[in-house]
Amino acid sequence: MHRQMTTLDFLDRGVEVYGDAVGVIAHDGTEYTYAEFGERVERAAAALSELEIGEGDRVALLSPNTHWFLETLYATNVLGAVSVPLNYRLTPDDYEYILEDCGAAAVVADHEYAEKIEGVRDRVPATSFVATPADRVEGDWRDYESLLADADPDAVERPDVSEDDPATINYTSGTTGDPKGVVRTHRSEHYHALITAHHTDVSDDDVYLWTLPMFHVNGWGYPYVITGVGGTHVCQRHFDSEGVFERIHAHDVSYLCGAPTVLDSLIEYYETTGVAATGEKPVRIATAASPPPEATIRTVEDELGWDILHVYGLTETGPLITTSNSPRRIEREGRFAIKTRQGHAMLGTELRVVDEEGEDVPPDDETMGEIVVRGNQVMDRYWNKPERTREAFTDRVEGWFHTGDYASIDERGMISIKDRKKDVIISGGENISSVELEDTLYDHPDVERVAVIGVPHERWGETPKAIVIAADGADLTEDELIEFARENLAHYKCPTVVEFVEDLPETSTGKIRKVELREAHEDPIG
């Protein structure tokens, strides 16, 4: 038989099977059972319905990691509406563009960020504005908790939502133009959650700590994964290392996610304070965003005693499409040989690495090509951008989504990311992976953080430049670091210029903004 797959399947199972279990722990420690959480979702849906939000309407959510974000994410889908999670680090102009582009009917915002919307509310299509709490926001905002208190949880009759209907629109960062709205259907969200639960071994005794922003690709699907299996959500409004370890001990956290920058921050806090790394349960952490250096994996696993799961994907793909979680291969070949890679395709996912002509590159673990992918977790389309959608699925290979990421692939089908397409450095006709060079430089004990970019060179076209944050107290020089690289890599891959800085520009998910770095280093060398 054929049954429609929707995001509400995960909510319903959590409530029905685990109704008496603690499902959500708010930032302040307030606990909600799954039955209580489910009732709050229904009240939120009824409140939005009273504000004339209905099937197909877009509801923008602007919040750090809070229990009400989880509630509203589900409540929009109860109504057959579409959630639009917003990056809380954007500017009012960014919000104006996104709200206008998606045609948002309502905005539900945390008090910490509502003022960014207040400045543009007269220029966006939304007619309903809800804040939590409203008394901490300037302007005419409805109060979230008051609306829930007055709402009837039995008032809403769910519409017949198709699995092909949009469930959410996630906007990309827009580093190469206006942000693109990635349309994800109920089916793509449902399928992604199922394979994520499988490959990350999530179960009902897991306690999941929200350090990954919930707005980022819907928190990698974990609002659905954790709820559907009956695990416990622990909310932490913003990432800070002290708060992470406090919650690990207070709630016996067993699982969290974080980019390599998050790992580095946790390592530094652990080494500085000597805090216990776990509660009673062992801890595992999934990492993505950028490839973690081997040194980081070694420290997290050997010193903190946590198990690292390396995954890969992007907004358009769910996000997750590969995993290095392969115990057999780890046992046979060694954990660093496997865990430094992005890994093999997830269940039901087809992945290729292709050259400029769309032909598969040889599986020699050296030749670079673009990753293309097919799977039920891949996006439906870009909102209001049919030409960009067509390009994304037809550029080199018809019918495959083109990721823009360059990788090599080995004979086992495991990929290793080499670079973003736009970040590959072409020097004297040779392709240089900035990721490979960064990983090598991270092995130097005095390198805290590093970003490698290509800068113009009068003779070679481009040359690698390393922009480095040195470790506290280190007396590292440019010549020393270049020589270190040459001892470990072919000379043509090594930086010819090193600049030491105090900080590097980052996205909200820990990726270094290389576009900004390239714009700031446009003067030719040579």
Protein backbone atom coordinates (compact mmCIF):
# COMPACT_ATOMS: atom_id res chain seq x y z
CA MET A 1 0.00 0.00 0.00
CA HIS A 2 1.02 3.59 -0.47
CA ARG A 3 0.89 5.90 2.54
CA GLN A 4 1.73 9.59 2.50
CA MET A 5 4.95 10.38 4.36
CA THR A 6 4.83 13.64 6.33
CA THR A 7 6.87 15.28 9.06
CA LEU A 8 3.96 14.78 11.47
CA ASP A 9 4.64 11.02 11.54
CA PHE A 10 7.57 11.74 13.85
CA LEU A 11 5.58 13.97 16.18
CA ASP A 12 2.70 11.50 16.37
CA ARG A 13 4.96 8.57 17.18
CA GLY A 14 6.80 10.52 19.87
CA VAL A 15 3.53 11.51 21.54
CA GLU A 16 1.81 8.13 21.21
CA VAL A 17 4.69 5.86 22.20
CA TYR A 18 6.64 8.10 24.59
CA GLY A 19 3.94 10.41 25.94
CA ASP A 20 5.00 10.00 29.59
CA ALA A 21 8.73 10.39 28.88
CA VAL A 22 10.62 13.70 29.00
CA GLY A 23 10.85 14.79 25.40
CA VAL A 24 12.10 18.38 25.58
CA ILE A 25 14.21 20.24 28.15
CA ALA A 26 14.15 24.00 27.67
CA HIS A 27 17.21 26.23 28.01
CA ASP A 28 16.19 27.13 31.57
CA GLY A 29 15.78 23.47 32.53
CA THR A 30 11.97 23.28 32.26
CA GLU A 31 10.96 19.76 31.23
CA TYR A 32 8.11 18.77 28.93
CA THR A 33 6.94 15.22 28.42
CA TYR A 34 6.10 14.25 24.87
CA ALA A 35 2.42 14.46 25.75
CA GLU A 36 2.92 18.03 27.00
CA PHE A 37 5.04 18.90 24.01
CA GLY A 38 2.40 17.51 21.67
CA GLU A 39 -0.32 19.58 23.34
CA ARG A 40 1.78 22.73 23.01
CA VAL A 41 2.26 22.00 19.31
CA GLU A 42 -1.51 21.67 18.85
CA ARG A 43 -2.08 24.91 20.79
CA ALA A 44 0.50 26.68 18.63
CA ALA A 45 -1.24 25.38 15.51
CA ALA A 46 -4.61 26.60 16.80
CA ALA A 47 -3.10 30.00 17.64
CA LEU A 48 -1.64 30.34 14.15
CA SER A 49 -4.97 29.29 12.67
CA GLU A 50 -6.66 32.10 14.62
CA LEU A 51 -4.17 34.43 12.93
CA GLU A 52 -5.53 33.14 9.60
CA ILE A 53 -2.53 30.95 8.77
CA GLY A 54 -3.60 28.00 6.66
CA GLU A 55 -2.54 25.41 4.15
CA GLY A 56 0.37 26.52 1.98
CA ASP A 57 1.06 29.75 3.90
CA ARG A 58 4.67 30.47 4.81
CA VAL A 59 5.56 31.06 8.47
CA ALA A 60 9.01 32.51 9.19
CA LEU A 61 10.75 31.38 12.39
CA LEU A 62 13.53 33.47 13.90
CA SER A 63 15.01 31.98 17.03
CA PRO A 64 18.07 30.45 18.65
CA ASN A 65 17.76 26.87 19.93
CA THR A 66 14.54 26.96 21.94
CA HIS A 67 11.69 24.61 22.73
CA TRP A 68 9.23 26.98 21.08
CA PHE A 69 11.17 26.75 17.79
CA LEU A 70 10.54 22.99 17.83
CA GLU A 71 6.87 23.57 18.66
CA THR A 72 6.32 26.09 15.89
CA LEU A 73 8.20 24.01 13.32
CA TYR A 74 5.71 21.19 13.86
CA ALA A 75 2.71 23.50 14.32
CA THR A 76 3.12 25.02 10.86
CA ASN A 77 3.00 21.53 9.34
CA VAL A 78 -0.06 20.60 11.43
CA LEU A 79 -1.82 23.36 9.49
CA GLY A 80 -0.34 22.28 6.16
CA ALA A 81 1.66 25.52 6.23
CA VAL A 82 5.34 25.87 5.33
CA SER A 83 8.04 26.76 7.85
CA VAL A 84 10.81 29.20 6.84
CA PRO A 85 13.59 29.05 9.45
CA LEU A 86 15.71 32.21 9.42
CA ASN A 87 19.39 32.56 10.19
CA TYR A 88 19.52 34.81 13.25
CA ARG A 89 22.84 36.33 12.17
CA LEU A 90 21.40 38.11 9.14
CA THR A 91 20.68 41.81 8.74
CA PRO A 92 17.26 43.50 8.48
CA ASP A 93 17.82 43.91 4.73
CA ASP A 94 18.41 40.16 4.43
CA TYR A 95 15.15 39.46 6.26
CA GLU A 96 13.29 41.90 4.05
CA TYR A 97 14.50 40.06 0.94
CA ILE A 98 13.68 36.58 2.29
CA LEU A 99 10.25 37.48 3.68
CA GLU A 100 9.34 39.17 0.41
CA ASP A 101 10.73 36.33 -1.70
CA CYS A 102 8.85 33.57 0.12
CA GLY A 103 5.72 35.68 0.66
CA ALA A 104 5.67 35.04 4.41
CA ALA A 105 2.25 35.45 6.00
CA ALA A 106 3.54 35.48 9.58
CA VAL A 107 6.73 35.90 11.55
CA VAL A 108 7.32 34.22 14.90
CA ALA A 109 10.45 35.65 16.52
CA ASP A 110 12.47 35.36 19.69
CA HIS A 111 12.76 38.60 21.67
CA GLU A 112 16.51 38.62 21.06
CA TYR A 113 16.06 39.14 17.32
CA ALA A 114 12.58 40.57 16.79
CA GLU A 115 13.92 44.12 16.56
CA LYS A 116 15.62 43.19 13.25
CA ILE A 117 12.19 42.39 11.84
CA GLU A 118 10.53 45.42 13.44
CA GLY A 119 12.61 47.75 11.28
CA VAL A 120 11.34 46.25 8.03
CA ARG A 121 7.87 45.00 8.91
CA ASP A 122 6.16 47.73 6.91
CA ARG A 123 7.97 46.53 3.77
CA VAL A 124 7.21 42.79 3.96
CA PRO A 125 4.04 40.85 3.15
CA ALA A 126 3.59 39.35 6.64
CA THR A 127 0.52 40.58 8.53
CA SER A 128 0.98 38.66 11.80
CA PHE A 129 3.93 39.13 14.13
CA VAL A 130 4.39 36.97 17.22
CA ALA A 131 7.20 37.28 19.77
CA THR A 132 8.34 35.28 22.75
CA PRO A 133 7.92 37.11 25.01
CA ALA A 134 6.26 40.16 23.44
CA ASP A 135 6.84 42.41 26.44
CA ARG A 136 10.57 42.40 25.68
CA VAL A 137 10.08 43.66 22.12
CA GLU A 138 9.38 47.17 20.85
CA GLY A 139 6.37 47.46 18.55
CA ASP A 140 3.04 45.72 18.10
CA TRP A 141 3.75 42.01 18.62
CA ARG A 142 1.44 39.25 19.84
CA ASP A 143 2.76 37.24 22.78
CA TYR A 144 3.49 33.59 22.01
CA GLU A 145 2.68 32.10 25.42
CA SER A 146 -0.51 34.15 25.73
CA LEU A 147 -1.69 32.89 22.35
CA LEU A 148 -1.01 29.29 23.43
CA ALA A 149 -2.81 29.77 26.73
CA ASP A 150 -5.94 31.02 24.95
CA ALA A 151 -5.87 28.38 22.20
CA ASP A 152 -7.92 25.17 22.09
CA PRO A 153 -5.59 22.22 21.36
CA ASP A 154 -8.49 20.29 19.82
CA ALA A 155 -9.64 23.09 17.53
CA VAL A 156 -7.53 22.27 14.46
CA GLU A 157 -8.49 19.61 11.96
CA ARG A 158 -5.43 18.58 10.00
CA PRO A 159 -5.73 19.04 6.23
CA ASP A 160 -4.90 16.21 3.83
CA VAL A 161 -1.27 17.08 3.20
CA SER A 162 0.51 15.36 0.33
CA GLU A 163 4.04 14.08 0.81
CA ASP A 164 4.95 16.15 -2.26
CA ASP A 165 3.78 19.39 -0.63
CA PRO A 166 6.46 21.78 0.67
CA ALA A 167 7.17 21.34 4.37
CA THR A 168 9.89 23.94 4.68
CA ILE A 169 11.94 26.48 2.74
CA ASN A 170 15.56 26.88 3.83
CA TYR A 171 17.49 29.86 2.51
CA THR A 172 21.12 29.48 1.52
CA SER A 173 23.74 31.97 2.63
CA GLY A 174 23.68 33.91 -0.63
CA THR A 175 27.47 34.28 -0.85
CA THR A 176 27.29 34.17 -4.67
CA GLY A 177 24.16 36.28 -5.16
CA ASP A 178 20.74 36.59 -3.58
CA PRO A 179 19.87 33.80 -1.11
CA LYS A 180 18.10 30.86 -2.70
CA GLY A 181 15.07 29.28 -1.04
CA VAL A 182 15.55 25.52 -0.95
CA VAL A 183 12.14 23.83 -1.07
CA ARG A 184 12.00 20.60 0.92
CA THR A 185 8.89 18.47 0.80
CA HIS A 186 7.33 16.31 3.48
CA ARG A 187 8.69 13.29 1.63
CA SER A 188 12.28 14.59 1.48
CA GLU A 189 12.21 15.54 5.18
CA HIS A 190 10.69 12.19 6.14
CA TYR A 191 13.16 10.13 4.13
CA HIS A 192 16.14 12.17 5.34
CA ALA A 193 15.13 11.67 8.96
CA LEU A 194 14.83 7.90 8.50
CA ILE A 195 18.27 7.44 6.98
CA THR A 196 19.85 9.87 9.46
CA ALA A 197 18.42 7.90 12.38
CA HIS A 198 19.79 4.71 10.84
CA HIS A 199 23.31 5.94 10.11
CA THR A 200 23.77 7.81 13.39
CA ASP A 201 22.36 5.01 15.58
CA VAL A 202 19.90 7.29 17.40
CA SER A 203 17.58 5.52 19.85
CA ASP A 204 15.08 6.29 22.60
CA ASP A 205 17.72 6.40 25.33
CA ASP A 206 19.66 9.17 23.56
CA VAL A 207 19.78 12.64 25.06
CA TYR A 208 20.51 15.08 22.25
CA LEU A 209 22.06 18.47 22.99
CA TRP A 210 21.13 21.28 20.62
CA THR A 211 24.41 23.03 19.79
CA LEU A 212 23.80 22.94 16.03
CA PRO A 213 21.53 25.87 15.06
CA MET A 214 17.96 24.65 14.64
CA PHE A 215 17.45 26.98 11.69
CA HIS A 216 20.32 25.39 9.72
CA VAL A 217 18.68 22.92 7.30
CA ASN A 218 16.07 22.36 10.02
CA GLY A 219 18.78 21.33 12.45
CA TRP A 220 20.01 18.58 10.07
CA GLY A 221 16.61 16.92 10.50
CA TYR A 222 17.04 16.20 14.21
CA PRO A 223 13.71 17.77 15.25
CA TYR A 224 12.20 14.79 13.43
CA VAL A 225 14.83 12.15 14.23
CA ILE A 226 14.95 12.68 18.00
CA THR A 227 11.18 13.07 18.34
CA GLY A 228 10.35 10.05 16.22
CA VAL A 229 12.61 7.68 18.17
CA GLY A 230 11.57 9.10 21.56
CA GLY A 231 14.92 10.62 22.52
CA THR A 232 15.25 13.77 24.62
CA HIS A 233 15.90 17.22 23.16
CA VAL A 234 18.05 19.47 25.37
CA CYS A 235 17.90 23.10 24.23
CA GLN A 236 20.85 25.47 24.53
CA ARG A 237 20.04 28.89 23.10
CA HIS A 238 23.54 29.54 21.79
CA PHE A 239 26.68 27.49 21.71
CA ASP A 240 29.21 28.06 24.42
CA SER A 241 31.59 25.40 25.70
CA GLU A 242 30.83 25.92 29.38
CA GLY A 243 27.10 25.50 28.75
CA VAL A 244 27.72 22.32 26.75
CA PHE A 245 29.61 20.61 29.56
CA GLU A 246 27.11 21.84 32.16
CA ARG A 247 24.27 20.19 30.21
CA ILE A 248 26.26 17.04 29.55
CA HIS A 249 26.54 16.59 33.31
CA ALA A 250 23.06 17.85 34.25
CA HIS A 251 21.14 15.78 31.68
CA ASP A 252 23.57 12.96 30.84
CA VAL A 253 23.83 14.03 27.21
CA SER A 254 24.87 11.26 24.82
CA TYR A 255 24.81 12.93 21.42
CA LEU A 256 25.44 16.34 19.85
CA CYS A 257 26.60 17.86 16.56
CA GLY A 258 29.20 20.47 15.77
CA ALA A 259 31.47 21.83 13.04
CA PRO A 260 35.24 21.46 13.51
CA THR A 261 35.32 24.95 15.03
CA VAL A 262 32.91 23.74 17.71
CA LEU A 263 35.16 20.75 18.35
CA ASP A 264 38.17 23.04 18.73
CA SER A 265 36.33 25.23 21.24
CA LEU A 266 35.22 22.22 23.29
CA ILE A 267 38.76 20.81 23.27
CA GLU A 268 40.20 24.11 24.46
CA TYR A 269 37.67 24.37 27.32
CA TYR A 270 38.24 20.76 28.34
CA GLU A 271 42.02 21.14 28.38
CA THR A 272 41.86 24.48 30.21
CA THR A 273 39.39 23.49 32.93
CA GLY A 274 39.91 19.77 33.35
CA VAL A 275 36.11 19.31 33.38
CA ALA A 276 34.77 15.75 33.12
CA ALA A 277 34.02 15.03 29.45
CA THR A 278 30.92 12.85 29.98
CA GLY A 279 28.15 12.00 32.39
CA GLU A 280 27.24 8.36 32.90
CA LYS A 281 26.58 7.78 29.21
CA PRO A 282 29.29 7.77 26.55
CA VAL A 283 29.16 10.75 24.19
CA ARG A 284 29.30 10.81 20.41
CA ILE A 285 29.40 13.85 18.17
CA ALA A 286 28.58 14.23 14.48
CA THR A 287 30.71 16.73 12.63
CA ALA A 288 30.42 18.32 9.19
CA ALA A 289 30.59 21.79 7.55
CA SER A 290 34.31 21.47 6.77
CA PRO A 291 36.65 18.47 6.96
CA PRO A 292 38.06 18.06 10.51
CA PRO A 293 41.83 17.73 10.70
CA GLU A 294 43.16 14.36 11.87
CA ALA A 295 44.65 16.09 14.92
CA THR A 296 41.18 17.25 15.99
CA ILE A 297 39.69 13.76 15.61
CA ARG A 298 42.57 12.29 17.58
CA THR A 299 42.12 14.75 20.46
CA VAL A 300 38.33 14.37 20.66
CA GLU A 301 38.49 10.58 20.67
CA ASP A 302 41.67 9.99 22.70
CA GLU A 303 41.42 12.79 25.27
CA LEU A 304 37.69 13.50 25.62
CA GLY A 305 36.77 9.89 24.92
CA TRP A 306 33.98 10.85 22.52
CA ASP A 307 33.17 8.98 19.31
CA ILE A 308 33.22 11.13 16.16
CA LEU A 309 30.80 10.55 13.28
CA HIS A 310 31.90 12.37 10.14
CA VAL A 311 29.02 13.24 7.80
CA TYR A 312 28.61 15.42 4.74
CA GLY A 313 25.92 17.27 2.86
CA LEU A 314 24.52 20.70 2.07
CA THR A 315 21.26 22.60 2.35
CA GLU A 316 19.97 21.32 -0.96
CA THR A 317 20.55 17.66 -0.05
CA GLY A 318 18.78 17.31 3.24
CA PRO A 319 21.64 17.88 4.25
CA LEU A 320 23.18 14.46 4.89
CA ILE A 321 24.20 12.23 1.98
CA THR A 322 27.38 10.50 3.20
CA THR A 323 28.79 9.05 6.42
CA SER A 324 32.10 7.62 7.61
CA ASN A 325 30.32 5.63 10.34
CA SER A 326 31.57 2.23 9.19
CA PRO A 327 32.75 0.09 12.15
CA ARG A 328 33.96 -2.76 9.94
CA ARG A 329 36.14 -0.50 7.85
CA ILE A 330 37.37 1.40 10.90
CA GLU A 331 38.43 -1.88 12.54
CA ARG A 332 40.09 -3.14 9.37
CA GLU A 333 41.72 0.04 8.04
CA GLY A 334 42.07 2.33 11.05
CA ARG A 335 39.88 5.11 12.32
CA PHE A 336 41.85 8.00 10.82
CA ALA A 337 41.92 6.39 7.39
CA ILE A 338 38.11 6.35 7.52
CA LYS A 339 37.00 9.17 9.82
CA THR A 340 38.93 11.93 8.06
CA ARG A 341 36.87 11.11 4.96
CA GLN A 342 33.30 12.17 4.31
CA GLY A 343 32.63 8.50 3.61
CA HIS A 344 30.23 6.52 1.49
CA ALA A 345 26.72 7.31 0.30
CA MET A 346 23.91 6.87 2.79
CA LEU A 347 21.21 4.25 2.34
CA GLY A 348 19.20 4.78 -0.86
CA THR A 349 21.53 7.54 -2.02
CA GLU A 350 23.43 7.49 -5.33
CA LEU A 351 26.66 9.47 -5.50
CA ARG A 352 29.20 10.04 -8.26
CA VAL A 353 32.33 12.14 -8.74
CA VAL A 354 32.49 13.44 -12.31
CA ASP A 355 34.82 15.46 -14.52
CA GLU A 356 33.97 18.46 -16.70
CA GLU A 357 32.36 16.19 -19.31
CA GLY A 358 30.19 14.43 -16.74
CA GLU A 359 32.26 11.23 -16.86
CA ASP A 360 33.18 9.41 -13.65
CA VAL A 361 36.70 10.16 -12.46
CA PRO A 362 38.92 7.12 -11.80
CA PRO A 363 38.53 5.69 -8.27
CA ASP A 364 42.19 6.36 -7.48
CA ASP A 365 41.61 8.58 -4.43
CA GLU A 366 43.52 11.35 -6.20
CA THR A 367 41.69 12.67 -9.24
CA MET A 368 39.32 15.49 -8.38
CA GLY A 369 35.82 15.92 -9.75
CA GLU A 370 32.47 17.39 -8.74
CA ILE A 371 30.15 15.42 -6.47
CA VAL A 372 26.72 14.81 -7.98
CA VAL A 373 23.95 13.03 -6.10
CA ARG A 374 20.50 11.48 -6.45
CA GLY A 375 18.27 10.58 -3.51
CA ASN A 376 14.87 11.09 -1.95
CA GLN A 377 16.38 13.56 0.53
CA VAL A 378 17.49 15.96 -2.22
CA MET A 379 15.54 19.19 -2.56
CA ASP A 380 12.48 19.59 -4.76
CA ARG A 381 13.49 22.95 -6.26
CA TYR A 382 14.64 26.49 -5.58
CA TRP A 383 11.69 28.71 -4.66
CA ASN A 384 10.76 31.00 -7.55
CA LYS A 385 14.02 30.19 -9.39
CA PRO A 386 13.27 27.71 -12.18
CA GLU A 387 16.42 28.49 -14.16
CA ARG A 388 18.70 27.99 -11.14
CA THR A 389 16.85 24.75 -10.43
CA ARG A 390 17.39 23.55 -13.99
CA GLU A 391 21.11 24.35 -13.82
CA ALA A 392 21.51 22.55 -10.51
CA PHE A 393 20.14 19.31 -11.97
CA THR A 394 21.60 19.45 -15.51
CA ASP A 395 25.02 21.16 -15.43
CA ARG A 396 27.26 18.13 -16.08
CA VAL A 397 24.92 15.18 -15.72
CA GLU A 398 21.18 15.25 -16.45
CA GLY A 399 18.98 14.43 -13.46
CA TRP A 400 21.66 14.60 -10.77
CA PHE A 401 22.04 17.42 -8.24
CA HIS A 402 25.37 19.20 -8.63
CA THR A 403 26.86 20.02 -5.24
CA GLY A 404 29.67 22.34 -6.30
CA ASP A 405 32.02 20.35 -4.05
CA TYR A 406 35.19 18.78 -5.44
CA ALA A 407 36.30 15.41 -4.15
CA SER A 408 38.24 12.27 -4.96
CA ILE A 409 36.75 8.80 -4.66
CA ASP A 410 38.42 5.47 -3.89
CA GLU A 411 37.68 1.93 -5.05
CA ARG A 412 35.30 1.43 -2.11
CA GLY A 413 33.15 4.38 -3.13
CA MET A 414 34.32 6.53 -0.21
CA ILE A 415 34.77 10.21 -1.01
CA SER A 416 37.23 12.70 0.37
CA ILE A 417 36.31 16.37 -0.04
CA LYS A 418 39.07 18.39 -1.62
CA ASP A 419 37.39 21.76 -2.00
CA ARG A 420 34.41 23.79 -3.00
CA LYS A 421 34.40 24.26 -6.76
CA LYS A 422 35.02 27.97 -6.32
CA ASP A 423 37.79 27.36 -3.75
CA VAL A 424 40.04 25.09 -5.84
CA ILE A 425 43.33 26.91 -6.47
CA ILE A 426 44.70 26.64 -10.02
CA SER A 427 48.40 27.51 -9.96
CA GLY A 428 50.44 27.07 -13.12
CA GLY A 429 47.74 24.79 -14.50
CA GLU A 430 47.78 22.50 -11.44
CA ASN A 431 44.69 22.03 -9.26
CA ILE A 432 45.48 22.52 -5.58
CA SER A 433 43.11 21.51 -2.80
CA SER A 434 42.92 24.19 -0.12
CA VAL A 435 41.45 21.57 2.23
CA GLU A 436 44.47 19.27 1.86
CA LEU A 437 46.84 22.15 2.54
CA GLU A 438 44.82 23.33 5.54
CA ASP A 439 44.82 19.81 6.99
CA THR A 440 48.60 19.67 6.68
CA LEU A 441 49.09 23.06 8.34
CA TYR A 442 46.82 22.02 11.22
CA ASP A 443 49.41 19.37 12.07
CA HIS A 444 51.78 22.14 13.14
CA PRO A 445 51.43 22.48 16.93
CA ASP A 446 51.45 26.29 16.80
CA VAL A 447 48.54 26.64 14.34
CA GLU A 448 45.23 27.36 16.05
CA ARG A 449 43.13 28.02 12.91
CA VAL A 450 43.93 28.36 9.24
CA ALA A 451 42.24 29.20 5.97
CA VAL A 452 43.93 28.76 2.59
CA ILE A 453 42.80 30.78 -0.42
CA GLY A 454 44.09 31.38 -3.91
CA VAL A 455 45.40 34.89 -4.52
CA PRO A 456 46.35 36.39 -7.90
CA HIS A 457 49.92 35.72 -9.05
CA GLU A 458 51.47 37.50 -12.04
CA ARG A 459 53.27 34.37 -13.29
CA TRP A 460 51.25 31.38 -12.05
CA GLY A 461 47.75 32.83 -12.25
CA GLU A 462 47.08 31.95 -8.62
CA THR A 463 49.15 30.95 -5.62
CA PRO A 464 48.12 29.51 -2.24
CA LYS A 465 48.03 31.93 0.66
CA ALA A 466 47.62 30.72 4.24
CA ILE A 467 45.81 33.00 6.67
CA VAL A 468 46.65 31.78 10.14
CA ILE A 469 45.62 32.27 13.75
CA ALA A 470 48.62 31.16 15.80
CA ALA A 471 48.24 29.41 19.14
CA ASP A 472 48.49 31.58 22.24
CA GLY A 473 52.11 32.34 23.06
CA ALA A 474 53.45 30.84 19.84
CA ASP A 475 56.31 32.53 17.99
CA LEU A 476 55.50 31.15 14.57
CA THR A 477 57.00 32.72 11.44
CA GLU A 478 56.02 32.69 7.79
CA ASP A 479 59.22 30.92 6.69
CA GLU A 480 58.84 28.27 9.37
CA LEU A 481 55.29 27.41 8.34
CA ILE A 482 56.11 27.32 4.60
CA GLU A 483 59.02 24.99 5.31
CA PHE A 484 56.77 22.78 7.43
CA ALA A 485 54.35 22.48 4.53
CA ARG A 486 57.15 21.62 2.10
CA GLU A 487 58.31 18.82 4.36
CA ASN A 488 54.87 17.22 4.13
CA LEU A 489 53.50 18.10 0.67
CA ALA A 490 54.62 18.51 -2.92
CA HIS A 491 56.11 22.00 -3.20
CA TYR A 492 53.59 23.24 -5.76
CA LYS A 493 50.80 22.63 -3.22
CA CYS A 494 52.43 24.71 -0.49
CA PRO A 495 51.71 28.32 0.45
CA THR A 496 54.01 30.97 -0.93
CA VAL A 497 52.55 33.58 1.42
CA VAL A 498 51.45 33.38 5.06
CA GLU A 499 49.57 36.09 6.95
CA PHE A 500 48.92 35.96 10.69
CA VAL A 501 45.62 37.36 11.95
CA GLU A 502 43.62 37.57 15.18
CA ASP A 503 40.37 36.11 13.82
CA LEU A 504 38.70 34.74 10.69
CA PRO A 505 35.20 35.53 9.34
CA GLU A 506 32.76 32.66 9.95
CA THR A 507 29.21 31.67 9.11
CA SER A 508 26.77 30.75 11.89
CA THR A 509 27.66 27.08 11.39
CA GLY A 510 31.41 27.51 11.73
CA LYS A 511 32.44 27.67 8.08
CA ILE A 512 35.10 30.20 7.21
CA ARG A 513 33.82 32.81 4.77
CA LYS A 514 36.43 32.42 2.05
CA VAL A 515 34.58 34.79 -0.24
CA GLU A 516 35.30 37.61 2.20
CA LEU A 517 38.93 36.54 2.49
CA ARG A 518 39.41 36.50 -1.29
CA GLU A 519 37.83 39.93 -1.59
CA ALA A 520 40.23 41.26 1.03
CA HIS A 521 43.29 39.73 -0.69
CA GLU A 522 42.81 40.70 -4.33
CA ASP A 523 46.19 42.37 -4.91
CA PRO A 524 48.42 40.27 -7.18
CA ILE A 525 51.65 38.72 -5.96
CA GLY A 526 54.63 38.08 -8.10
